[in-house]
Amino acid sequence: MESKYKRILLKISGESLSGNKKSGIDFDEVLKIGESIKKCTELGIQIGVVVGGGNFWRGRSSGKMDRTRADHMGMMATVINSLGLADALEQLNLDVRVQTAISMQQIAEPYIRNKAVRHLEKGRIVIFGCGTGSPFFSTDTAASLRAAEIGAQIIFKATNTDGIYDSDPATNKNAKKYDYITYEKILSKDLKVMDSTATSMCKDNNIPILVFSIKDPQNIVRAAKGEIIGTIVKS
């Protein structure tokens, strides 16, 4: 079966890399995610990846710490995750490049849009670290920005829930799941699937978002094949 997409931006939460450990990296779990990414490449898909850092650090939850410095620490956490994911993909014999929005040339390439696109065209997976490189922006916003820059057809937002609900399904057993929702409804209802900056950027650039659970990493492959899972966000 062929893929529905030629180029995607996969957004993975930091927590998904920690598995049952709840923090840090569970490399067995990372390998499972890597195996699903590999299957997507075998379908001919070009893949860019943005990884969060919440399994190590969250800048917005840093209490009395200066927010700018706390966010810079969060960016470093995304680099740890990016390198861990890159290692797993390389162990699966995939060609990978890590690019960071903050220069750290000893361990990764600096983010250069044209170079990233060229890597993708050559079949390499590109992992984007350090978010946008600026404080006060989430890695969801980084995913929206990179998706627009590389011309991704869709953002796959792989989370711990199986889609978007009208309220938190963890606290409300009657929460209603959406199969489809518009950017405008997410913004007007202040649903916490992505921050408003990320949602607005996708809306302005007409980039669909597919939100689904990564608890089963094979959902990445199902989504790539166009199977109906999770919640689709578009106009």
Foldseek 3Di string as FASTA:
>chain_A
DAFPFAEEEEEEEQQQQCPPVSADGDLVSLLLLLVLVVVLVVNNHQYEYEYWQVSYADLVPPPPDDSFVRLQVRLVSRVVVLVSSVVSNVVVVAAEFEEECDDDPVVHHHDDLVVSLVCSVVSYYYYYTSQNVGTPDGNLLSSLVSCLSNVGQAYEYADAAFAFWLDDCVVDVPTHGALEDELVVCVVSVGVPDHNNSSVSCQVSFHKYFYGYCVPSNVSVCVRRVHRTYHIYGD
